[in-house]
Amino acid sequence: MRVAIKRADRRRLPPVEYADAVESWARGHGTHARLVWDARAGNWDVRIDLPRSDDPRHQLEEPYEVVPILKPGEIKMPGGRVMPGLVGVELDEVGVAGIVAHLHETNLRTGRFRSAEEAIKYTAEKNRTERGREREFQKGEARHLARDEYRRVMQHPLIQGADLVATEKVAATTEDGNG
């Protein structure tokens, strides 16, 4: 006989004041949102409804943006290891104002971007400039390494105009008293 155990937290409902705060925030941004419990991840998520796209490529996508409510913490791995990561937060820990502030910081509807396409373009441009900076940095590093290797192989001094071999000979002769 197989016994199925149902966990009580799979169907957790948010307190009314939290659900109302999330919905009123979303209405202020021209959409709807709801606070849901993600039982698989063990955290609360805000699901913000997105407008339907007429593009057939987007028909399979879920028509909402998910904003998980997480904080930095430690994740316990099998075998007793502890790793840094993001962990779920109970609603009472952050409060209503904390959830609204989290929504302002983490989604596309706060006025920073008017659409997902704008956010994607901004991110692509930022990544392109960052790749260019990284490439220039790597070129400079390769140039310095090549110059140092050339000096080592050719036995050139690090300081231009200084002859270290002659300096060592002068130091040796002055110690002997012959200089």
N, C-alpha and C. Protein backbone atom coordinates (compact mmCIF):
# COMPACT_ATOMS: atom_id res chain seq x y z
N MET A 1 0.84 -1.18 0.00
CA MET A 1 0.00 0.00 0.00
C MET A 1 0.89 1.24 0.00
N ARG A 2 0.60 2.13 -0.90
CA ARG A 2 1.39 3.34 -1.04
C ARG A 2 0.63 4.52 -0.43
N VAL A 3 1.30 5.25 0.42
CA VAL A 3 0.66 6.38 1.10
C VAL A 3 1.23 7.66 0.51
N ALA A 4 0.38 8.52 0.03
CA ALA A 4 0.80 9.82 -0.50
C ALA A 4 0.65 10.87 0.60
N ILE A 5 1.75 11.53 0.87
CA ILE A 5 1.73 12.56 1.90
C ILE A 5 1.63 13.92 1.21
N LYS A 6 0.64 14.69 1.56
CA LYS A 6 0.49 16.03 1.01
C LYS A 6 1.09 17.03 1.98
N ARG A 7 1.95 17.86 1.43
CA ARG A 7 2.53 18.91 2.27
C ARG A 7 1.55 20.06 2.37
N ALA A 8 1.40 20.59 3.54
CA ALA A 8 0.45 21.67 3.75
C ALA A 8 0.89 22.96 3.09
N ASP A 9 2.22 23.14 2.88
CA ASP A 9 2.68 24.41 2.35
C ASP A 9 2.60 24.50 0.83
N ARG A 10 2.12 23.46 0.15
CA ARG A 10 2.01 23.52 -1.30
C ARG A 10 0.93 24.51 -1.74
N ARG A 11 -0.06 24.70 -0.90
CA ARG A 11 -1.15 25.60 -1.26
C ARG A 11 -1.21 26.77 -0.29
N ARG A 12 -0.07 27.34 0.01
CA ARG A 12 -0.03 28.47 0.93
C ARG A 12 -0.63 29.70 0.26
N LEU A 13 -1.44 30.40 0.97
CA LEU A 13 -2.03 31.64 0.47
C LEU A 13 -1.37 32.81 1.19
N PRO A 14 -1.12 33.90 0.47
CA PRO A 14 -0.49 35.04 1.13
C PRO A 14 -1.49 35.79 2.00
N PRO A 15 -1.01 36.47 3.02
CA PRO A 15 -1.91 37.31 3.81
C PRO A 15 -2.52 38.41 2.93
N VAL A 16 -3.70 38.84 3.27
CA VAL A 16 -4.45 39.77 2.44
C VAL A 16 -3.70 41.08 2.23
N GLU A 17 -3.06 41.61 3.26
CA GLU A 17 -2.39 42.91 3.11
C GLU A 17 -1.23 42.84 2.12
N TYR A 18 -0.54 41.69 2.07
CA TYR A 18 0.56 41.53 1.12
C TYR A 18 0.01 41.41 -0.31
N ALA A 19 -1.03 40.60 -0.49
CA ALA A 19 -1.63 40.42 -1.81
C ALA A 19 -2.20 41.74 -2.32
N ASP A 20 -2.83 42.53 -1.44
CA ASP A 20 -3.38 43.82 -1.85
C ASP A 20 -2.28 44.80 -2.23
N ALA A 21 -1.18 44.80 -1.50
CA ALA A 21 -0.08 45.71 -1.81
C ALA A 21 0.52 45.38 -3.18
N VAL A 22 0.68 44.10 -3.47
CA VAL A 22 1.24 43.69 -4.76
C VAL A 22 0.28 44.06 -5.89
N GLU A 23 -1.00 43.81 -5.71
CA GLU A 23 -1.98 44.14 -6.75
C GLU A 23 -2.09 45.64 -6.96
N SER A 24 -2.09 46.42 -5.89
CA SER A 24 -2.19 47.88 -6.06
C SER A 24 -0.93 48.44 -6.71
N TRP A 25 0.23 47.87 -6.39
CA TRP A 25 1.46 48.29 -7.07
C TRP A 25 1.35 48.00 -8.56
N ALA A 26 0.86 46.82 -8.91
CA ALA A 26 0.75 46.44 -10.33
C ALA A 26 -0.27 47.32 -11.05
N ARG A 27 -1.37 47.62 -10.42
CA ARG A 27 -2.37 48.49 -11.06
C ARG A 27 -1.80 49.88 -11.31
N GLY A 28 -0.94 50.33 -10.42
CA GLY A 28 -0.27 51.61 -10.62
C GLY A 28 0.64 51.60 -11.83
N HIS A 29 1.08 50.42 -12.25
CA HIS A 29 1.94 50.27 -13.43
C HIS A 29 1.18 49.72 -14.64
N GLY A 30 -0.16 49.70 -14.56
CA GLY A 30 -0.97 49.34 -15.71
C GLY A 30 -1.09 47.86 -15.98
N THR A 31 -1.00 47.03 -14.97
CA THR A 31 -1.12 45.58 -15.17
C THR A 31 -1.70 44.95 -13.91
N HIS A 32 -1.68 43.64 -13.84
CA HIS A 32 -2.14 42.91 -12.66
C HIS A 32 -1.00 42.03 -12.16
N ALA A 33 -1.02 41.72 -10.87
CA ALA A 33 0.01 40.85 -10.29
C ALA A 33 -0.60 40.10 -9.12
N ARG A 34 -0.01 38.97 -8.83
CA ARG A 34 -0.46 38.19 -7.68
C ARG A 34 0.75 37.57 -7.00
N LEU A 35 0.60 37.35 -5.72
CA LEU A 35 1.65 36.75 -4.90
C LEU A 35 1.35 35.27 -4.77
N VAL A 36 2.28 34.41 -5.21
CA VAL A 36 2.06 32.97 -5.19
C VAL A 36 3.22 32.27 -4.50
N TRP A 37 2.94 31.13 -3.91
CA TRP A 37 3.95 30.31 -3.26
C TRP A 37 4.47 29.29 -4.26
N ASP A 38 5.78 29.26 -4.46
CA ASP A 38 6.41 28.28 -5.34
C ASP A 38 6.91 27.14 -4.44
N ALA A 39 6.14 26.05 -4.42
CA ALA A 39 6.46 24.95 -3.50
C ALA A 39 7.75 24.23 -3.90
N ARG A 40 8.05 24.17 -5.20
CA ARG A 40 9.28 23.48 -5.63
C ARG A 40 10.52 24.22 -5.15
N ALA A 41 10.51 25.56 -5.27
CA ALA A 41 11.67 26.36 -4.87
C ALA A 41 11.62 26.74 -3.39
N GLY A 42 10.43 26.71 -2.82
CA GLY A 42 10.29 27.05 -1.40
C GLY A 42 10.37 28.54 -1.14
N ASN A 43 9.82 29.35 -2.04
CA ASN A 43 9.83 30.80 -1.83
C ASN A 43 8.58 31.43 -2.44
N TRP A 44 8.36 32.69 -2.09
CA TRP A 44 7.23 33.44 -2.64
C TRP A 44 7.67 34.10 -3.94
N ASP A 45 6.76 34.13 -4.91
CA ASP A 45 6.99 34.79 -6.19
C ASP A 45 5.88 35.79 -6.44
N VAL A 46 6.23 36.87 -7.13
CA VAL A 46 5.23 37.80 -7.62
C VAL A 46 5.11 37.54 -9.11
N ARG A 47 3.91 37.22 -9.57
CA ARG A 47 3.68 36.98 -10.99
C ARG A 47 2.96 38.20 -11.58
N ILE A 48 3.68 38.90 -12.45
CA ILE A 48 3.15 40.11 -13.06
C ILE A 48 2.66 39.75 -14.46
N ASP A 49 1.38 40.00 -14.72
CA ASP A 49 0.81 39.70 -16.03
C ASP A 49 1.42 40.63 -17.08
N LEU A 50 1.78 40.06 -18.22
CA LEU A 50 2.33 40.82 -19.33
C LEU A 50 1.29 40.87 -20.44
N PRO A 51 1.33 41.91 -21.26
CA PRO A 51 0.39 41.96 -22.38
C PRO A 51 0.69 40.85 -23.38
N ARG A 52 -0.34 40.31 -23.97
CA ARG A 52 -0.18 39.24 -24.97
C ARG A 52 0.47 39.80 -26.22
N SER A 53 1.38 39.04 -26.78
CA SER A 53 2.05 39.43 -28.01
C SER A 53 1.37 38.75 -29.19
N ASP A 54 1.27 39.45 -30.30
CA ASP A 54 0.69 38.86 -31.51
C ASP A 54 1.73 38.05 -32.29
N ASP A 55 2.96 38.17 -31.89
CA ASP A 55 4.04 37.45 -32.58
C ASP A 55 3.90 35.95 -32.29
N PRO A 56 3.83 35.10 -33.33
CA PRO A 56 3.64 33.66 -33.09
C PRO A 56 4.82 33.02 -32.35
N ARG A 57 5.99 33.65 -32.39
CA ARG A 57 7.14 33.08 -31.66
C ARG A 57 6.95 33.16 -30.17
N HIS A 58 6.11 34.10 -29.71
CA HIS A 58 5.91 34.29 -28.28
C HIS A 58 4.68 33.58 -27.74
N GLN A 59 3.98 32.81 -28.57
CA GLN A 59 2.75 32.17 -28.13
C GLN A 59 3.00 31.07 -27.10
N LEU A 60 4.17 30.45 -27.14
CA LEU A 60 4.46 29.37 -26.20
C LEU A 60 4.97 29.88 -24.86
N GLU A 61 5.34 31.14 -24.79
CA GLU A 61 5.86 31.69 -23.54
C GLU A 61 4.73 31.95 -22.56
N GLU A 62 5.09 31.91 -21.29
CA GLU A 62 4.11 32.22 -20.27
C GLU A 62 3.87 33.72 -20.27
N PRO A 63 2.62 34.16 -20.20
CA PRO A 63 2.34 35.60 -20.31
C PRO A 63 2.52 36.35 -19.00
N TYR A 64 3.52 36.02 -18.22
CA TYR A 64 3.78 36.78 -17.01
C TYR A 64 5.27 36.77 -16.69
N GLU A 65 5.64 37.79 -15.94
CA GLU A 65 7.01 37.91 -15.47
C GLU A 65 7.03 37.45 -14.02
N VAL A 66 8.00 36.62 -13.67
CA VAL A 66 8.10 36.11 -12.31
C VAL A 66 9.21 36.85 -11.58
N VAL A 67 8.86 37.45 -10.46
CA VAL A 67 9.84 38.14 -9.62
C VAL A 67 9.92 37.37 -8.31
N PRO A 68 10.95 36.54 -8.12
CA PRO A 68 11.06 35.81 -6.86
C PRO A 68 11.50 36.73 -5.73
N ILE A 69 11.03 36.46 -4.55
CA ILE A 69 11.40 37.24 -3.37
C ILE A 69 12.48 36.44 -2.63
N LEU A 70 13.73 36.82 -2.86
CA LEU A 70 14.88 36.09 -2.33
C LEU A 70 15.82 37.04 -1.61
N LYS A 71 16.71 36.47 -0.80
CA LYS A 71 17.77 37.24 -0.15
C LYS A 71 19.04 36.40 -0.16
N PRO A 72 20.20 37.03 -0.06
CA PRO A 72 21.44 36.25 0.03
C PRO A 72 21.47 35.44 1.31
N GLY A 73 21.94 34.22 1.19
CA GLY A 73 22.00 33.34 2.36
C GLY A 73 22.87 32.13 2.07
N GLU A 74 22.66 31.08 2.81
CA GLU A 74 23.44 29.85 2.64
C GLU A 74 22.51 28.70 2.27
N ILE A 75 22.94 27.91 1.29
CA ILE A 75 22.18 26.76 0.85
C ILE A 75 22.89 25.51 1.35
N LYS A 76 22.16 24.63 2.01
CA LYS A 76 22.74 23.39 2.51
C LYS A 76 22.66 22.33 1.43
N MET A 77 23.82 21.81 1.05
CA MET A 77 23.92 20.81 0.00
C MET A 77 23.98 19.42 0.62
N PRO A 78 23.70 18.37 -0.16
CA PRO A 78 23.86 17.02 0.36
C PRO A 78 25.31 16.77 0.76
N GLY A 79 25.50 16.05 1.80
CA GLY A 79 26.85 15.78 2.28
C GLY A 79 27.31 16.79 3.32
N GLY A 80 26.44 17.71 3.72
CA GLY A 80 26.79 18.65 4.77
C GLY A 80 27.48 19.92 4.29
N ARG A 81 27.71 20.05 2.99
CA ARG A 81 28.36 21.27 2.50
C ARG A 81 27.38 22.43 2.54
N VAL A 82 27.92 23.61 2.78
CA VAL A 82 27.11 24.83 2.79
C VAL A 82 27.70 25.77 1.75
N MET A 83 26.83 26.26 0.85
CA MET A 83 27.29 27.15 -0.22
C MET A 83 26.51 28.46 -0.15
N PRO A 84 27.13 29.57 -0.54
CA PRO A 84 26.39 30.82 -0.59
C PRO A 84 25.40 30.80 -1.76
N GLY A 85 24.27 31.43 -1.58
CA GLY A 85 23.27 31.46 -2.64
C GLY A 85 22.10 32.34 -2.23
N LEU A 86 21.03 32.28 -3.00
CA LEU A 86 19.82 33.04 -2.70
C LEU A 86 18.79 32.11 -2.09
N VAL A 87 18.20 32.54 -1.00
CA VAL A 87 17.22 31.71 -0.31
C VAL A 87 15.90 32.48 -0.21
N GLY A 88 14.82 31.72 -0.08
CA GLY A 88 13.49 32.32 0.04
C GLY A 88 13.33 33.07 1.33
N VAL A 89 12.45 34.05 1.30
CA VAL A 89 12.20 34.90 2.45
C VAL A 89 10.74 34.77 2.85
N GLU A 90 10.48 34.68 4.12
CA GLU A 90 9.10 34.71 4.59
C GLU A 90 8.58 36.13 4.50
N LEU A 91 7.31 36.28 4.23
CA LEU A 91 6.73 37.59 4.03
C LEU A 91 6.85 38.47 5.27
N ASP A 92 6.75 37.86 6.44
CA ASP A 92 6.85 38.64 7.67
C ASP A 92 8.24 39.24 7.86
N GLU A 93 9.26 38.63 7.27
CA GLU A 93 10.62 39.14 7.40
C GLU A 93 10.81 40.45 6.65
N VAL A 94 10.17 40.59 5.48
CA VAL A 94 10.38 41.79 4.67
C VAL A 94 9.28 42.82 4.84
N GLY A 95 8.09 42.39 5.15
CA GLY A 95 6.98 43.31 5.33
C GLY A 95 6.41 43.79 4.01
N VAL A 96 5.31 44.49 4.09
CA VAL A 96 4.63 44.98 2.89
C VAL A 96 5.50 45.99 2.16
N ALA A 97 6.09 46.93 2.87
CA ALA A 97 6.94 47.95 2.24
C ALA A 97 8.17 47.31 1.60
N GLY A 98 8.70 46.26 2.19
CA GLY A 98 9.86 45.57 1.63
C GLY A 98 9.53 44.89 0.31
N ILE A 99 8.34 44.31 0.21
CA ILE A 99 7.94 43.66 -1.04
C ILE A 99 7.74 44.69 -2.14
N VAL A 100 7.11 45.81 -1.82
CA VAL A 100 6.91 46.86 -2.81
C VAL A 100 8.26 47.43 -3.26
N ALA A 101 9.19 47.65 -2.33
CA ALA A 101 10.52 48.14 -2.69
C ALA A 101 11.25 47.12 -3.56
N HIS A 102 11.09 45.84 -3.25
CA HIS A 102 11.71 44.78 -4.06
C HIS A 102 11.15 44.79 -5.48
N LEU A 103 9.86 45.02 -5.62
CA LEU A 103 9.25 45.09 -6.94
C LEU A 103 9.77 46.29 -7.73
N HIS A 104 9.96 47.41 -7.07
CA HIS A 104 10.51 48.59 -7.74
C HIS A 104 11.91 48.33 -8.27
N GLU A 105 12.70 47.53 -7.55
CA GLU A 105 14.09 47.30 -7.93
C GLU A 105 14.26 46.23 -9.00
N THR A 106 13.37 45.24 -9.08
CA THR A 106 13.69 44.03 -9.83
C THR A 106 12.86 43.74 -11.06
N ASN A 107 11.98 44.60 -11.50
CA ASN A 107 11.21 44.21 -12.68
C ASN A 107 11.30 45.26 -13.77
N LEU A 108 10.72 44.96 -14.91
CA LEU A 108 10.80 45.83 -16.08
C LEU A 108 9.78 46.96 -16.08
N ARG A 109 8.82 46.94 -15.20
CA ARG A 109 7.72 47.89 -15.28
C ARG A 109 7.91 49.14 -14.44
N THR A 110 9.09 49.41 -13.94
CA THR A 110 9.29 50.54 -13.04
C THR A 110 9.61 51.83 -13.77
N GLY A 111 9.61 51.83 -15.09
CA GLY A 111 9.88 53.05 -15.83
C GLY A 111 11.29 53.11 -16.39
N ARG A 112 12.17 52.25 -15.95
CA ARG A 112 13.52 52.25 -16.49
C ARG A 112 13.50 51.79 -17.94
N PHE A 113 12.69 50.79 -18.24
CA PHE A 113 12.51 50.31 -19.61
C PHE A 113 11.02 50.27 -19.90
N ARG A 114 10.66 50.65 -21.12
CA ARG A 114 9.25 50.62 -21.49
C ARG A 114 8.81 49.24 -21.95
N SER A 115 9.76 48.42 -22.38
CA SER A 115 9.40 47.09 -22.87
C SER A 115 10.56 46.14 -22.64
N ALA A 116 10.27 44.87 -22.85
CA ALA A 116 11.33 43.86 -22.72
C ALA A 116 12.37 44.03 -23.82
N GLU A 117 11.94 44.48 -25.01
CA GLU A 117 12.89 44.70 -26.11
C GLU A 117 13.91 45.77 -25.75
N GLU A 118 13.44 46.85 -25.09
CA GLU A 118 14.36 47.90 -24.66
C GLU A 118 15.37 47.36 -23.66
N ALA A 119 14.90 46.54 -22.72
CA ALA A 119 15.80 45.96 -21.73
C ALA A 119 16.82 45.05 -22.40
N ILE A 120 16.38 44.28 -23.39
CA ILE A 120 17.29 43.38 -24.10
C ILE A 120 18.32 44.18 -24.88
N LYS A 121 17.89 45.26 -25.56
CA LYS A 121 18.83 46.10 -26.31
C LYS A 121 19.84 46.75 -25.38
N TYR A 122 19.37 47.25 -24.24
CA TYR A 122 20.27 47.86 -23.27
C TYR A 122 21.31 46.86 -22.78
N THR A 123 20.86 45.66 -22.45
CA THR A 123 21.77 44.62 -21.95
C THR A 123 22.76 44.21 -23.03
N ALA A 124 22.30 44.08 -24.27
CA ALA A 124 23.20 43.69 -25.36
C ALA A 124 24.26 44.76 -25.59
N GLU A 125 23.87 46.02 -25.56
CA GLU A 125 24.84 47.11 -25.75
C GLU A 125 25.84 47.16 -24.61
N LYS A 126 25.34 46.97 -23.39
CA LYS A 126 26.23 46.96 -22.22
C LYS A 126 27.22 45.81 -22.32
N ASN A 127 26.74 44.63 -22.71
CA ASN A 127 27.62 43.47 -22.86
C ASN A 127 28.64 43.70 -23.97
N ARG A 128 28.22 44.35 -25.06
CA ARG A 128 29.14 44.61 -26.18
C ARG A 128 30.27 45.54 -25.73
N THR A 129 29.94 46.61 -25.03
CA THR A 129 30.98 47.53 -24.57
C THR A 129 31.88 46.86 -23.53
N GLU A 130 31.29 46.03 -22.69
CA GLU A 130 32.10 45.33 -21.68
C GLU A 130 33.05 44.34 -22.34
N ARG A 131 32.59 43.64 -23.39
CA ARG A 131 33.47 42.73 -24.12
C ARG A 131 34.62 43.50 -24.77
N GLY A 132 34.31 44.68 -25.32
CA GLY A 132 35.36 45.52 -25.92
C GLY A 132 36.39 45.94 -24.90
N ARG A 133 35.93 46.36 -23.71
CA ARG A 133 36.86 46.73 -22.64
C ARG A 133 37.72 45.55 -22.21
N GLU A 134 37.09 44.40 -22.07
CA GLU A 134 37.83 43.20 -21.66
C GLU A 134 38.86 42.82 -22.72
N ARG A 135 38.51 42.95 -23.99
CA ARG A 135 39.45 42.62 -25.07
C ARG A 135 40.64 43.57 -25.06
N GLU A 136 40.40 44.86 -24.86
CA GLU A 136 41.50 45.83 -24.79
C GLU A 136 42.40 45.54 -23.59
N PHE A 137 41.80 45.18 -22.46
CA PHE A 137 42.58 44.83 -21.28
C PHE A 137 43.45 43.60 -21.56
N GLN A 138 42.88 42.58 -22.21
CA GLN A 138 43.64 41.37 -22.52
C GLN A 138 44.77 41.67 -23.50
N LYS A 139 44.53 42.56 -24.48
CA LYS A 139 45.60 42.95 -25.40
C LYS A 139 46.76 43.59 -24.65
N GLY A 140 46.43 44.51 -23.75
CA GLY A 140 47.46 45.17 -22.95
C GLY A 140 48.24 44.18 -22.11
N GLU A 141 47.52 43.25 -21.48
CA GLU A 141 48.20 42.24 -20.65
C GLU A 141 49.11 41.36 -21.50
N ALA A 142 48.65 40.97 -22.69
CA ALA A 142 49.49 40.15 -23.58
C ALA A 142 50.72 40.92 -24.01
N ARG A 143 50.55 42.21 -24.28
CA ARG A 143 51.69 43.04 -24.67
C ARG A 143 52.72 43.12 -23.54
N HIS A 144 52.26 43.31 -22.32
CA HIS A 144 53.18 43.38 -21.17
C HIS A 144 53.88 42.05 -20.94
N LEU A 145 53.15 40.95 -21.04
CA LEU A 145 53.76 39.63 -20.86
C LEU A 145 54.80 39.36 -21.94
N ALA A 146 54.50 39.73 -23.18
CA ALA A 146 55.45 39.53 -24.28
C ALA A 146 56.70 40.37 -24.06
N ARG A 147 56.53 41.60 -23.60
CA ARG A 147 57.68 42.47 -23.34
C ARG A 147 58.53 41.90 -22.20
N ASP A 148 57.90 41.43 -21.14
CA ASP A 148 58.66 40.84 -20.03
C ASP A 148 59.40 39.58 -20.46
N GLU A 149 58.75 38.75 -21.27
CA GLU A 149 59.41 37.53 -21.76
C GLU A 149 60.59 37.88 -22.66
N TYR A 150 60.42 38.89 -23.51
CA TYR A 150 61.52 39.33 -24.39
C TYR A 150 62.70 39.81 -23.55
N ARG A 151 62.44 40.60 -22.52
CA ARG A 151 63.52 41.09 -21.64
C ARG A 151 64.23 39.94 -20.96
N ARG A 152 63.45 38.94 -20.51
CA ARG A 152 64.06 37.81 -19.82
C ARG A 152 64.96 37.02 -20.77
N VAL A 153 64.45 36.74 -21.98
CA VAL A 153 65.22 35.94 -22.95
C VAL A 153 66.46 36.69 -23.42
N MET A 154 66.31 37.98 -23.71
CA MET A 154 67.42 38.77 -24.24
C MET A 154 68.30 39.33 -23.13
N GLN A 155 67.95 39.09 -21.88
CA GLN A 155 68.69 39.55 -20.71
C GLN A 155 68.84 41.06 -20.69
N HIS A 156 67.75 41.76 -21.03
CA HIS A 156 67.72 43.21 -20.95
C HIS A 156 67.32 43.60 -19.54
N PRO A 157 67.84 44.69 -19.02
CA PRO A 157 67.47 45.12 -17.66
C PRO A 157 66.04 45.67 -17.65
N LEU A 158 65.42 45.60 -16.48
CA LEU A 158 64.08 46.13 -16.34
C LEU A 158 64.08 47.66 -16.40
N ILE A 159 65.14 48.28 -15.88
CA ILE A 159 65.24 49.73 -15.88
C ILE A 159 66.06 50.12 -17.10
N GLN A 160 65.49 50.97 -17.95
CA GLN A 160 66.18 51.36 -19.17
C GLN A 160 67.45 52.14 -18.82
N GLY A 161 68.55 51.80 -19.46
CA GLY A 161 69.81 52.50 -19.25
C GLY A 161 70.65 51.92 -18.13
N ALA A 162 70.12 50.96 -17.39
CA ALA A 162 70.89 50.35 -16.30
C ALA A 162 71.43 49.02 -16.76
N ASP A 163 72.68 48.80 -16.56
CA ASP A 163 73.31 47.54 -16.92
C ASP A 163 73.55 46.79 -15.62
N LEU A 164 72.74 45.81 -15.32
CA LEU A 164 72.82 45.12 -14.04
C LEU A 164 74.08 44.28 -13.92
N VAL A 165 74.56 43.74 -15.02
CA VAL A 165 75.77 42.93 -14.96
C VAL A 165 76.97 43.80 -14.61
N ALA A 166 77.07 44.97 -15.23
CA ALA A 166 78.17 45.89 -14.93
C ALA A 166 78.05 46.41 -13.51
N THR A 167 76.82 46.65 -13.02
CA THR A 167 76.61 47.12 -11.67
C THR A 167 77.06 46.07 -10.66
N GLU A 168 76.79 44.80 -10.94
CA GLU A 168 77.21 43.73 -10.04
C GLU A 168 78.74 43.64 -10.01
N LYS A 169 79.42 43.82 -11.18
CA LYS A 169 80.88 43.77 -11.22
C LYS A 169 81.48 44.91 -10.41
N VAL A 170 80.90 46.11 -10.51
CA VAL A 170 81.40 47.26 -9.75
C VAL A 170 81.22 47.02 -8.27
N ALA A 171 80.08 46.46 -7.88
CA ALA A 171 79.83 46.19 -6.47
C ALA A 171 80.80 45.15 -5.94
N ALA A 172 81.10 44.13 -6.76
CA ALA A 172 82.03 43.09 -6.32
C ALA A 172 83.45 43.65 -6.17
N THR A 173 83.88 44.53 -7.06
CA THR A 173 85.24 45.09 -6.97
C THR A 173 85.36 46.05 -5.82
N THR A 174 84.29 46.77 -5.46
CA THR A 174 84.37 47.70 -4.32
C THR A 174 84.40 46.93 -3.01
N GLU A 175 83.78 45.77 -2.95
CA GLU A 175 83.81 44.96 -1.73
C GLU A 175 85.20 44.37 -1.52
N ASP A 176 85.87 44.03 -2.62
CA ASP A 176 87.22 43.48 -2.50
C ASP A 176 88.25 44.54 -2.15
N GLY A 177 87.91 45.79 -2.37
CA GLY A 177 88.85 46.88 -2.10
C GLY A 177 89.68 47.21 -3.31
N ASN A 178 89.34 46.61 -4.46
CA ASN A 178 90.11 46.87 -5.65
C ASN A 178 89.53 48.05 -6.44
N GLY A 179 88.43 48.62 -6.02
CA GLY A 179 87.78 49.62 -6.82
C GLY A 179 88.01 50.96 -6.40
